[in-house]
C-alpha atoms as a PDB file:
ATOM      1  CA  MET A   1       0.000   0.000   0.000  1.00  0.00           C
ATOM      2  CA  ASP A   2       1.272   3.436  -0.897  1.00  0.00           C
ATOM      3  CA  PRO A   3       2.194   5.367   2.298  1.00  0.00           C
ATOM      4  CA  ASP A   4       0.697   8.554   0.815  1.00  0.00           C
ATOM      5  CA  SER A   5      -2.667   6.959   0.048  1.00  0.00           C
ATOM      6  CA  GLU A   6      -5.793   7.591   2.049  1.00  0.00           C
ATOM      7  CA  LEU A   7      -7.269   5.068   4.455  1.00  0.00           C
ATOM      8  CA  PRO A   8     -10.298   3.187   3.135  1.00  0.00           C
ATOM      9  CA  ALA A   9     -13.425   5.071   4.185  1.00  0.00           C
ATOM     10  CA  ASP A  10     -14.757   2.290   6.447  1.00  0.00           C
ATOM     11  CA  LEU A  11     -11.458   1.858   8.257  1.00  0.00           C
ATOM     12  CA  GLY A  12     -11.020   5.612   8.643  1.00  0.00           C
ATOM     13  CA  ALA A  13     -14.534   5.996  10.076  1.00  0.00           C
ATOM     14  CA  PHE A  14     -13.904   3.172  12.556  1.00  0.00           C
ATOM     15  CA  LEU A  15     -10.550   4.576  13.673  1.00  0.00           C
ATOM     16  CA  TYR A  16     -11.823   8.145  14.015  1.00  0.00           C
ATOM     17  CA  SER A  17     -14.907   7.057  15.955  1.00  0.00           C
ATOM     18  CA  CYS A  18     -13.263   4.524  18.312  1.00  0.00           C
ATOM     19  CA  ILE A  19      -9.569   5.340  18.699  1.00  0.00           C
ATOM     20  CA  ASP A  20      -8.214   8.607  20.119  1.00  0.00           C
ATOM     21  CA  SER A  21      -4.502   7.890  20.301  1.00  0.00           C
ATOM     22  CA  VAL A  22      -1.668   5.530  19.528  1.00  0.00           C
ATOM     23  CA  ASP A  23      -1.569   4.691  23.244  1.00  0.00           C
ATOM     24  CA  GLN A  24      -5.071   3.225  22.976  1.00  0.00           C
ATOM     25  CA  VAL A  25      -4.000   1.081  20.015  1.00  0.00           C
ATOM     26  CA  ASP A  26      -0.965  -0.070  22.025  1.00  0.00           C
ATOM     27  CA  LEU A  27      -3.173  -1.066  24.967  1.00  0.00           C
ATOM     28  CA  LEU A  28      -5.588  -2.901  22.658  1.00  0.00           C
ATOM     29  CA  ILE A  29      -2.756  -4.851  21.057  1.00  0.00           C
ATOM     30  CA  ARG A  30      -1.247  -5.746  24.437  1.00  0.00           C
ATOM     31  CA  LEU A  31      -4.587  -6.953  25.802  1.00  0.00           C
ATOM     32  CA  ARG A  32      -5.294  -8.848  22.565  1.00  0.00           C
ATOM     33  CA  ALA A  33      -1.957 -10.655  22.847  1.00  0.00           C
ATOM     34  CA  SER A  34      -2.482 -11.411  26.538  1.00  0.00           C
ATOM     35  CA  LYS A  35      -4.153 -14.681  27.478  1.00  0.00           C
ATOM     36  CA  THR A  36      -5.399 -13.216  30.755  1.00  0.00           C
ATOM     37  CA  ALA A  37      -7.211 -10.084  31.816  1.00  0.00           C
ATOM     38  CA  LYS A  38      -5.009  -7.284  33.142  1.00  0.00           C
ATOM     39  CA  THR A  39      -5.418  -4.644  35.837  1.00  0.00           C
ATOM     40  CA  VAL A  40      -4.434  -1.004  35.583  1.00  0.00           C
ATOM     41  CA  ARG A  41      -1.466  -1.732  37.874  1.00  0.00           C
ATOM     42  CA  GLN A  42      -0.114  -4.390  35.487  1.00  0.00           C
ATOM     43  CA  LEU A  43      -0.194  -2.328  32.288  1.00  0.00           C
ATOM     44  CA  PRO A  44       1.847   0.840  33.017  1.00  0.00           C
ATOM     45  CA  GLY A  45       5.054  -1.171  33.428  1.00  0.00           C
ATOM     46  CA  THR A  46       4.746  -2.572  29.917  1.00  0.00           C
ATOM     47  CA  THR A  47       3.587   0.633  28.218  1.00  0.00           C
ATOM     48  CA  GLY A  48       5.581   3.320  30.018  1.00  0.00           C
ATOM     49  CA  LEU A  49       2.396   5.348  30.572  1.00  0.00           C
ATOM     50  CA  PRO A  50       1.305   6.701  33.958  1.00  0.00           C
ATOM     51  CA  SER A  51      -1.440   4.709  35.706  1.00  0.00           C
ATOM     52  CA  ALA A  52      -3.948   7.556  35.439  1.00  0.00           C
ATOM     53  CA  SER A  53      -3.463   7.734  31.672  1.00  0.00           C
ATOM     54  CA  VAL A  54      -3.761   3.951  31.306  1.00  0.00           C
ATOM     55  CA  ARG A  55      -6.985   3.951  33.361  1.00  0.00           C
ATOM     56  CA  ARG A  56      -8.482   6.768  31.251  1.00  0.00           C
ATOM     57  CA  HIS A  57      -7.623   5.001  27.981  1.00  0.00           C
ATOM     58  CA  LEU A  58      -8.963   1.655  29.227  1.00  0.00           C
ATOM     59  CA  GLU A  59     -12.242   3.167  30.403  1.00  0.00           C
ATOM     60  CA  THR A  60     -12.665   4.930  27.059  1.00  0.00           C
ATOM     61  CA  LEU A  61     -12.108   1.656  25.206  1.00  0.00           C
ATOM     62  CA  VAL A  62     -14.622  -0.105  27.487  1.00  0.00           C
ATOM     63  CA  VAL A  63     -17.264   2.536  26.760  1.00  0.00           C
ATOM     64  CA  ARG A  64     -16.638   2.135  23.029  1.00  0.00           C
ATOM     65  CA  GLY A  65     -17.058  -1.638  23.290  1.00  0.00           C
ATOM     66  CA  LEU A  66     -13.495  -2.621  22.381  1.00  0.00           C
ATOM     67  CA  LEU A  67     -12.660  -3.977  25.847  1.00  0.00           C
ATOM     68  CA  ARG A  68     -14.565  -5.702  28.618  1.00  0.00           C
ATOM     69  CA  ALA A  69     -14.172  -4.763  32.266  1.00  0.00           C
ATOM     70  CA  ASN A  70     -14.878  -7.199  35.095  1.00  0.00           C
ATOM     71  CA  VAL A  71     -15.105  -5.913  38.630  1.00  0.00           C
ATOM     72  CA  SER A  72     -13.797  -8.101  41.409  1.00  0.00           C
ATOM     73  CA  SER A  73     -11.321  -7.000  44.069  1.00  0.00           C
ATOM     74  CA  GLU A  74      -9.858  -4.881  41.246  1.00  0.00           C
ATOM     75  CA  VAL A  75     -11.151  -3.959  37.826  1.00  0.00           C
ATOM     76  CA  VAL A  76      -9.633  -6.257  35.213  1.00  0.00           C
ATOM     77  CA  TYR A  77      -9.719  -5.551  31.494  1.00  0.00           C
ATOM     78  CA  ARG A  78      -9.725  -7.969  28.586  1.00  0.00           C
ATOM     79  CA  TYR A  79      -9.908  -7.661  24.833  1.00  0.00           C
ATOM     80  CA  ALA A  80     -13.422  -8.030  23.407  1.00  0.00           C
ATOM     81  CA  PRO A  81     -13.118 -10.376  20.388  1.00  0.00           C
ATOM     82  CA  GLU A  82     -16.788 -10.036  19.547  1.00  0.00           C
ATOM     83  CA  VAL A  83     -16.094  -6.533  18.209  1.00  0.00           C
ATOM     84  CA  GLY A  84     -13.877  -7.870  15.439  1.00  0.00           C
ATOM     85  CA  CYS A  85     -16.469 -10.466  14.504  1.00  0.00           C
ATOM     86  CA  ALA A  86     -19.218  -7.850  14.435  1.00  0.00           C
ATOM     87  CA  VAL A  87     -17.176  -5.612  12.127  1.00  0.00           C
ATOM     88  CA  ALA A  88     -16.458  -8.584   9.841  1.00  0.00           C
ATOM     89  CA  ALA A  89     -20.175  -9.462   9.786  1.00  0.00           C
ATOM     90  CA  LEU A  90     -21.094  -5.904   8.781  1.00  0.00           C
ATOM     91  CA  ILE A  91     -18.485  -5.883   6.013  1.00  0.00           C
ATOM     92  CA  PHE A  92     -19.731  -9.204   4.620  1.00  0.00           C
ATOM     93  CA  PHE A  93     -23.364  -8.012   4.821  1.00  0.00           C
ATOM     94  CA  ARG A  94     -22.367  -4.940   2.806  1.00  0.00           C
ATOM     95  CA  PHE A  95     -20.663  -7.130   0.180  1.00  0.00           C
ATOM     96  CA  TRP A  96     -23.750  -9.346   0.072  1.00  0.00           C
ATOM     97  CA  ARG A  97     -26.053  -6.344  -0.448  1.00  0.00           C
ATOM     98  CA  GLN A  98     -23.872  -5.175  -3.338  1.00  0.00           C
ATOM     99  CA  SER A  99     -23.452  -8.558  -5.054  1.00  0.00           C
ATOM    100  CA  LEU A 100     -26.338 -10.728  -3.744  1.00  0.00           C
ATOM    101  CA  ASP A 101     -23.815 -13.597  -3.630  1.00  0.00           C
ATOM    102  CA  ARG A 102     -24.807 -16.153  -0.993  1.00  0.00           C
ATOM    103  CA  PHE A 103     -21.099 -16.698  -0.235  1.00  0.00           C
ATOM    104  CA  PHE A 104     -20.993 -13.289   1.466  1.00  0.00           C
ATOM    105  CA  LEU A 105     -24.338 -13.873   3.172  1.00  0.00           C
ATOM    106  CA  LEU A 106     -23.135 -17.151   4.708  1.00  0.00           C
ATOM    107  CA  PHE A 107     -19.896 -15.530   5.883  1.00  0.00           C
ATOM    108  CA  ALA A 108     -21.863 -12.624   7.379  1.00  0.00           C
ATOM    109  CA  LEU A 109     -24.159 -15.029   9.236  1.00  0.00           C
ATOM    110  CA  ALA A 110     -21.165 -17.028  10.473  1.00  0.00           C
ATOM    111  CA  PHE A 111     -19.490 -13.926  11.883  1.00  0.00           C
ATOM    112  CA  LEU A 112     -22.777 -12.758  13.395  1.00  0.00           C
ATOM    113  CA  ILE A 113     -23.075 -16.117  15.179  1.00  0.00           C
ATOM    114  CA  LEU A 114     -19.460 -15.794  16.380  1.00  0.00           C
ATOM    115  CA  THR A 115     -20.291 -12.307  17.694  1.00  0.00           C
ATOM    116  CA  VAL A 116     -23.159 -13.734  19.733  1.00  0.00           C
ATOM    117  CA  ASP A 117     -20.994 -16.650  20.894  1.00  0.00           C
ATOM    118  CA  TYR A 118     -18.157 -14.427  22.126  1.00  0.00           C
ATOM    119  CA  SER A 119     -20.647 -12.054  23.745  1.00  0.00           C
ATOM    120  CA  ILE A 120     -22.293 -14.888  25.666  1.00  0.00           C
ATOM    121  CA  LEU A 121     -18.911 -16.212  26.830  1.00  0.00           C
ATOM    122  CA  GLY A 122     -17.794 -12.743  27.878  1.00  0.00           C
ATOM    123  CA  LEU A 123     -20.941 -11.503  29.574  1.00  0.00           C
ATOM    124  CA  VAL A 124     -22.441 -14.558  31.238  1.00  0.00           C
ATOM    125  CA  SER A 125     -20.617 -16.673  33.747  1.00  0.00           C
ATOM    126  CA  ILE A 126     -21.366 -20.178  32.541  1.00  0.00           C
ATOM    127  CA  ALA A 127     -20.479 -23.300  34.464  1.00  0.00           C
ATOM    128  CA  THR A 128     -17.749 -25.339  32.796  1.00  0.00           C
ATOM    129  CA  GLU A 129     -20.025 -28.235  31.835  1.00  0.00           C
ATOM    130  CA  TRP A 130     -22.402 -25.833  30.027  1.00  0.00           C
ATOM    131  CA  ARG A 131     -19.668 -24.275  27.888  1.00  0.00           C
ATOM    132  CA  VAL A 132     -20.032 -27.147  25.400  1.00  0.00           C
ATOM    133  CA  TYR A 133     -23.420 -25.777  24.379  1.00  0.00           C
ATOM    134  CA  VAL A 134     -21.977 -22.337  23.825  1.00  0.00           C
ATOM    135  CA  PHE A 135     -19.171 -23.768  21.700  1.00  0.00           C
ATOM    136  CA  ALA A 136     -21.781 -25.517  19.568  1.00  0.00           C
ATOM    137  CA  PHE A 137     -22.589 -22.059  18.195  1.00  0.00           C
ATOM    138  CA  ARG A 138     -18.953 -21.737  17.135  1.00  0.00           C
ATOM    139  CA  LEU A 139     -19.055 -25.130  15.428  1.00  0.00           C
ATOM    140  CA  PHE A 140     -22.184 -24.083  13.523  1.00  0.00           C
ATOM    141  CA  ALA A 141     -20.544 -20.813  12.441  1.00  0.00           C
ATOM    142  CA  PHE A 142     -17.452 -22.585  11.139  1.00  0.00           C
ATOM    143  CA  SER A 143     -19.693 -25.090   9.375  1.00  0.00           C
ATOM    144  CA  LEU A 144     -21.383 -22.185   7.580  1.00  0.00           C
ATOM    145  CA  ILE A 145     -17.979 -20.977   6.393  1.00  0.00           C
ATOM    146  CA  VAL A 146     -17.112 -24.453   5.073  1.00  0.00           C
ATOM    147  CA  VAL A 147     -20.488 -24.677   3.302  1.00  0.00           C
ATOM    148  CA  ALA A 148     -20.001 -21.216   1.782  1.00  0.00           C
ATOM    149  CA  ILE A 149     -16.601 -22.166   0.395  1.00  0.00           C
ATOM    150  CA  ALA A 150     -17.879 -25.534  -0.906  1.00  0.00           C
ATOM    151  CA  LEU A 151     -20.850 -23.892  -2.647  1.00  0.00           C
ATOM    152  CA  LYS A 152     -18.635 -21.201  -4.143  1.00  0.00           C
ATOM    153  CA  ASN A 153     -16.178 -23.765  -5.495  1.00  0.00           C
ATOM    154  CA  ARG A 154     -19.023 -25.816  -6.981  1.00  0.00           C
ATOM    155  CA  THR A 155     -20.266 -22.955  -9.135  1.00  0.00           C
END
């Protein structure tokens, strides 16, 4: 991509509406790479930012739906993967509306199901033995993707 070129309109709108600074992107990437939720006390050491700044950025990202916050003895923050799936679903729905190709519709539905799946896992505390039912949604979504690819290759 040419460094002087403009951002695609959709990406630019997302960035301008959800991200205020490079520090927020850095925090998002760090939480995305982390396997566990992090507290405000754990993040300043890795970012070099003061705790107050980290807290402000994290709270902003929570309000915008890019992170989840769980309150226990301390507030812990984790990346919200359902946001990425929701964005992908919207993009595929747009492609489907433009082309009316069922390939894009099936992908959009799959990512919509993954959005619901991740939201359920993130918002509801489910006993371990019940998680199998939640993961069945994920299996169905991936099955839709396989079916979409098979149908596309058949035509």
